[in-house]
Amino acid sequence: MYLSLTRIALIVAVALSVLACSKVTADKYAKIKAGQSYSEVIEVLGRPARCDDIAGFRSCSWGDERSSITVSFVGDKVILHSATNIR
């Protein structure tokens, strides 16, 4: 029984890792445009790994330290976006 639960946990961890990486692609990055709403970006990239909100500005990141997409919002609209090491 214990071995089965360990295997299930490992499978879930690997699946989540693959899903997180799949969000950060050049094709998806190309779909992000200035003026899009936060909801529209979520439709393309899914939920962000993290967001920081400061005085009406929101900066959200998808991916990890190897490859990532960062999108900055003001008033729920994209103003800047950048990517690091995406394919």
N, C-alpha and C. Protein backbone atom coordinates (compact mmCIF):
# COMPACT_ATOMS: atom_id res chain seq x y z
N MET A 1 0.82 -1.19 0.00
CA MET A 1 0.00 0.00 0.00
C MET A 1 0.86 1.25 0.00
N TYR A 2 1.88 1.30 0.86
CA TYR A 2 2.75 2.47 0.96
C TYR A 2 3.45 2.73 -0.36
N LEU A 3 3.92 1.69 -1.00
CA LEU A 3 4.62 1.84 -2.28
C LEU A 3 3.68 2.41 -3.33
N SER A 4 2.45 2.02 -3.34
CA SER A 4 1.49 2.53 -4.31
C SER A 4 1.23 4.02 -4.12
N LEU A 5 1.10 4.46 -2.87
CA LEU A 5 0.90 5.88 -2.60
C LEU A 5 2.12 6.69 -3.01
N THR A 6 3.30 6.15 -2.81
CA THR A 6 4.53 6.83 -3.21
C THR A 6 4.58 6.96 -4.73
N ARG A 7 4.23 5.93 -5.42
CA ARG A 7 4.21 5.97 -6.89
C ARG A 7 3.19 6.98 -7.40
N ILE A 8 2.03 7.02 -6.79
CA ILE A 8 1.00 7.97 -7.19
C ILE A 8 1.49 9.40 -6.97
N ALA A 9 2.11 9.64 -5.83
CA ALA A 9 2.64 10.98 -5.54
C ALA A 9 3.70 11.37 -6.56
N LEU A 10 4.56 10.44 -6.94
CA LEU A 10 5.60 10.72 -7.93
C LEU A 10 4.98 11.02 -9.30
N ILE A 11 4.00 10.26 -9.69
CA ILE A 11 3.32 10.49 -10.97
C ILE A 11 2.65 11.86 -10.99
N VAL A 12 1.99 12.21 -9.91
CA VAL A 12 1.33 13.52 -9.83
C VAL A 12 2.37 14.64 -9.91
N ALA A 13 3.48 14.49 -9.21
CA ALA A 13 4.53 15.52 -9.23
C ALA A 13 5.10 15.69 -10.63
N VAL A 14 5.34 14.61 -11.32
CA VAL A 14 5.87 14.68 -12.69
C VAL A 14 4.84 15.31 -13.62
N ALA A 15 3.59 14.93 -13.48
CA ALA A 15 2.54 15.49 -14.33
C ALA A 15 2.41 16.99 -14.12
N LEU A 16 2.45 17.44 -12.87
CA LEU A 16 2.35 18.87 -12.59
C LEU A 16 3.55 19.62 -13.15
N SER A 17 4.71 19.01 -13.08
CA SER A 17 5.91 19.63 -13.63
C SER A 17 5.80 19.79 -15.14
N VAL A 18 5.32 18.77 -15.81
CA VAL A 18 5.15 18.83 -17.26
C VAL A 18 4.10 19.88 -17.63
N LEU A 19 3.02 19.94 -16.90
CA LEU A 19 1.98 20.92 -17.18
C LEU A 19 2.49 22.34 -16.97
N ALA A 20 3.27 22.56 -15.95
CA ALA A 20 3.82 23.90 -15.68
C ALA A 20 4.73 24.32 -16.81
N CYS A 21 5.55 23.42 -17.30
CA CYS A 21 6.47 23.75 -18.38
C CYS A 21 5.73 23.99 -19.69
N SER A 22 4.62 23.29 -19.91
CA SER A 22 3.91 23.42 -21.17
C SER A 22 3.28 24.79 -21.35
N LYS A 23 3.07 25.53 -20.27
CA LYS A 23 2.49 26.86 -20.37
C LYS A 23 3.43 27.85 -21.02
N VAL A 24 4.71 27.63 -20.89
CA VAL A 24 5.71 28.61 -21.30
C VAL A 24 6.29 28.20 -22.66
N THR A 25 5.59 28.62 -23.72
CA THR A 25 6.06 28.32 -25.07
C THR A 25 6.08 29.60 -25.90
N ALA A 26 6.87 29.58 -26.95
CA ALA A 26 6.95 30.74 -27.85
C ALA A 26 5.60 30.97 -28.53
N ASP A 27 4.90 29.90 -28.87
CA ASP A 27 3.58 30.04 -29.51
C ASP A 27 2.59 30.77 -28.60
N LYS A 28 2.58 30.38 -27.33
CA LYS A 28 1.67 31.04 -26.40
C LYS A 28 2.11 32.47 -26.12
N TYR A 29 3.40 32.69 -26.02
CA TYR A 29 3.92 34.05 -25.79
C TYR A 29 3.50 34.98 -26.93
N ALA A 30 3.53 34.47 -28.15
CA ALA A 30 3.16 35.28 -29.32
C ALA A 30 1.69 35.71 -29.28
N LYS A 31 0.87 35.03 -28.51
CA LYS A 31 -0.55 35.37 -28.41
C LYS A 31 -0.82 36.50 -27.41
N ILE A 32 0.18 36.86 -26.61
CA ILE A 32 0.01 37.92 -25.62
C ILE A 32 0.25 39.26 -26.29
N LYS A 33 -0.71 40.17 -26.15
CA LYS A 33 -0.65 41.49 -26.80
C LYS A 33 -0.96 42.58 -25.80
N ALA A 34 -0.36 43.74 -26.00
CA ALA A 34 -0.67 44.91 -25.17
C ALA A 34 -2.16 45.20 -25.27
N GLY A 35 -2.76 45.53 -24.14
CA GLY A 35 -4.19 45.85 -24.09
C GLY A 35 -5.08 44.69 -23.72
N GLN A 36 -4.56 43.45 -23.76
CA GLN A 36 -5.37 42.31 -23.35
C GLN A 36 -5.67 42.39 -21.85
N SER A 37 -6.78 41.81 -21.46
CA SER A 37 -7.14 41.78 -20.05
C SER A 37 -6.41 40.62 -19.35
N TYR A 38 -6.40 40.71 -18.03
CA TYR A 38 -5.82 39.63 -17.22
C TYR A 38 -6.51 38.31 -17.55
N SER A 39 -7.82 38.32 -17.69
CA SER A 39 -8.59 37.10 -18.00
C SER A 39 -8.19 36.51 -19.35
N GLU A 40 -7.94 37.36 -20.34
CA GLU A 40 -7.52 36.87 -21.65
C GLU A 40 -6.15 36.20 -21.58
N VAL A 41 -5.27 36.77 -20.78
CA VAL A 41 -3.93 36.17 -20.63
C VAL A 41 -4.04 34.83 -19.91
N ILE A 42 -4.91 34.75 -18.91
CA ILE A 42 -5.13 33.49 -18.20
C ILE A 42 -5.65 32.42 -19.15
N GLU A 43 -6.50 32.80 -20.09
CA GLU A 43 -7.01 31.83 -21.08
C GLU A 43 -5.87 31.25 -21.91
N VAL A 44 -4.86 32.05 -22.20
CA VAL A 44 -3.73 31.60 -23.02
C VAL A 44 -2.71 30.81 -22.19
N LEU A 45 -2.33 31.35 -21.04
CA LEU A 45 -1.22 30.79 -20.27
C LEU A 45 -1.64 29.97 -19.05
N GLY A 46 -2.91 30.06 -18.65
CA GLY A 46 -3.32 29.40 -17.42
C GLY A 46 -3.00 30.28 -16.22
N ARG A 47 -3.16 29.74 -15.04
CA ARG A 47 -2.89 30.49 -13.81
C ARG A 47 -1.40 30.74 -13.67
N PRO A 48 -1.01 31.94 -13.26
CA PRO A 48 0.42 32.24 -13.11
C PRO A 48 1.03 31.53 -11.90
N ALA A 49 2.35 31.34 -11.97
CA ALA A 49 3.06 30.77 -10.83
C ALA A 49 3.06 31.75 -9.67
N ARG A 50 3.10 33.06 -10.01
CA ARG A 50 3.05 34.09 -8.96
C ARG A 50 2.70 35.44 -9.55
N CYS A 51 2.14 36.30 -8.70
CA CYS A 51 1.84 37.68 -9.07
C CYS A 51 2.23 38.59 -7.92
N ASP A 52 2.73 39.77 -8.27
CA ASP A 52 3.03 40.80 -7.29
C ASP A 52 2.18 42.01 -7.63
N ASP A 53 1.47 42.54 -6.66
CA ASP A 53 0.63 43.71 -6.84
C ASP A 53 1.20 44.87 -6.03
N ILE A 54 1.46 45.98 -6.73
CA ILE A 54 1.99 47.17 -6.06
C ILE A 54 1.33 48.40 -6.66
N ALA A 55 0.58 49.12 -5.85
CA ALA A 55 0.00 50.42 -6.22
C ALA A 55 -0.66 50.42 -7.61
N GLY A 56 -1.54 49.44 -7.86
CA GLY A 56 -2.26 49.41 -9.13
C GLY A 56 -1.54 48.70 -10.27
N PHE A 57 -0.31 48.29 -10.04
CA PHE A 57 0.46 47.55 -11.03
C PHE A 57 0.49 46.08 -10.61
N ARG A 58 0.33 45.20 -11.55
CA ARG A 58 0.42 43.76 -11.28
C ARG A 58 1.43 43.15 -12.24
N SER A 59 2.37 42.41 -11.71
CA SER A 59 3.36 41.69 -12.52
C SER A 59 3.22 40.21 -12.21
N CYS A 60 2.92 39.41 -13.24
CA CYS A 60 2.71 37.97 -13.06
C CYS A 60 3.72 37.19 -13.87
N SER A 61 4.11 36.03 -13.33
CA SER A 61 5.09 35.17 -14.00
C SER A 61 4.57 33.77 -14.16
N TRP A 62 4.91 33.17 -15.27
CA TRP A 62 4.61 31.78 -15.58
C TRP A 62 5.93 31.08 -15.83
N GLY A 63 6.04 29.83 -15.44
CA GLY A 63 7.26 29.07 -15.67
C GLY A 63 8.10 28.95 -14.42
N ASP A 64 9.42 28.86 -14.63
CA ASP A 64 10.34 28.69 -13.51
C ASP A 64 11.63 29.44 -13.81
N GLU A 65 12.69 29.14 -13.04
CA GLU A 65 13.94 29.87 -13.22
C GLU A 65 14.63 29.56 -14.55
N ARG A 66 14.30 28.45 -15.20
CA ARG A 66 14.92 28.11 -16.49
C ARG A 66 14.25 28.82 -17.65
N SER A 67 12.94 28.86 -17.64
CA SER A 67 12.21 29.53 -18.72
C SER A 67 10.94 30.14 -18.13
N SER A 68 10.64 31.35 -18.59
CA SER A 68 9.50 32.03 -17.99
C SER A 68 8.92 33.09 -18.91
N ILE A 69 7.69 33.46 -18.61
CA ILE A 69 7.01 34.57 -19.26
C ILE A 69 6.55 35.49 -18.13
N THR A 70 6.80 36.78 -18.29
CA THR A 70 6.37 37.77 -17.32
C THR A 70 5.47 38.78 -18.02
N VAL A 71 4.33 39.06 -17.42
CA VAL A 71 3.38 40.01 -17.99
C VAL A 71 3.05 41.05 -16.92
N SER A 72 3.12 42.33 -17.31
CA SER A 72 2.78 43.42 -16.40
C SER A 72 1.46 44.05 -16.82
N PHE A 73 0.62 44.32 -15.82
CA PHE A 73 -0.71 44.86 -16.05
C PHE A 73 -0.88 46.18 -15.30
N VAL A 74 -1.65 47.08 -15.89
CA VAL A 74 -2.12 48.28 -15.21
C VAL A 74 -3.61 48.36 -15.51
N GLY A 75 -4.41 48.48 -14.44
CA GLY A 75 -5.85 48.55 -14.64
C GLY A 75 -6.39 47.35 -15.39
N ASP A 76 -5.87 46.15 -15.11
CA ASP A 76 -6.31 44.89 -15.71
C ASP A 76 -5.94 44.75 -17.18
N LYS A 77 -5.07 45.59 -17.70
CA LYS A 77 -4.66 45.50 -19.11
C LYS A 77 -3.15 45.30 -19.21
N VAL A 78 -2.73 44.48 -20.18
CA VAL A 78 -1.31 44.23 -20.42
C VAL A 78 -0.65 45.52 -20.90
N ILE A 79 0.47 45.87 -20.25
CA ILE A 79 1.25 47.01 -20.73
C ILE A 79 2.63 46.56 -21.22
N LEU A 80 3.19 45.53 -20.61
CA LEU A 80 4.50 44.99 -21.00
C LEU A 80 4.47 43.48 -20.85
N HIS A 81 5.26 42.81 -21.68
CA HIS A 81 5.44 41.37 -21.51
C HIS A 81 6.83 40.99 -22.01
N SER A 82 7.42 39.99 -21.36
CA SER A 82 8.75 39.53 -21.74
C SER A 82 8.87 38.04 -21.50
N ALA A 83 9.86 37.45 -22.13
CA ALA A 83 10.08 36.01 -21.98
C ALA A 83 11.57 35.73 -21.86
N THR A 84 11.87 34.65 -21.15
CA THR A 84 13.25 34.21 -20.98
C THR A 84 13.34 32.74 -21.35
N ASN A 85 14.18 32.43 -22.32
CA ASN A 85 14.51 31.04 -22.67
C ASN A 85 13.28 30.18 -22.98
N ILE A 86 12.40 30.67 -23.85
CA ILE A 86 11.23 29.87 -24.25
C ILE A 86 11.44 29.34 -25.65
N ARG A 87 10.73 28.27 -25.96
CA ARG A 87 10.85 27.66 -27.30
C ARG A 87 9.49 27.45 -27.90
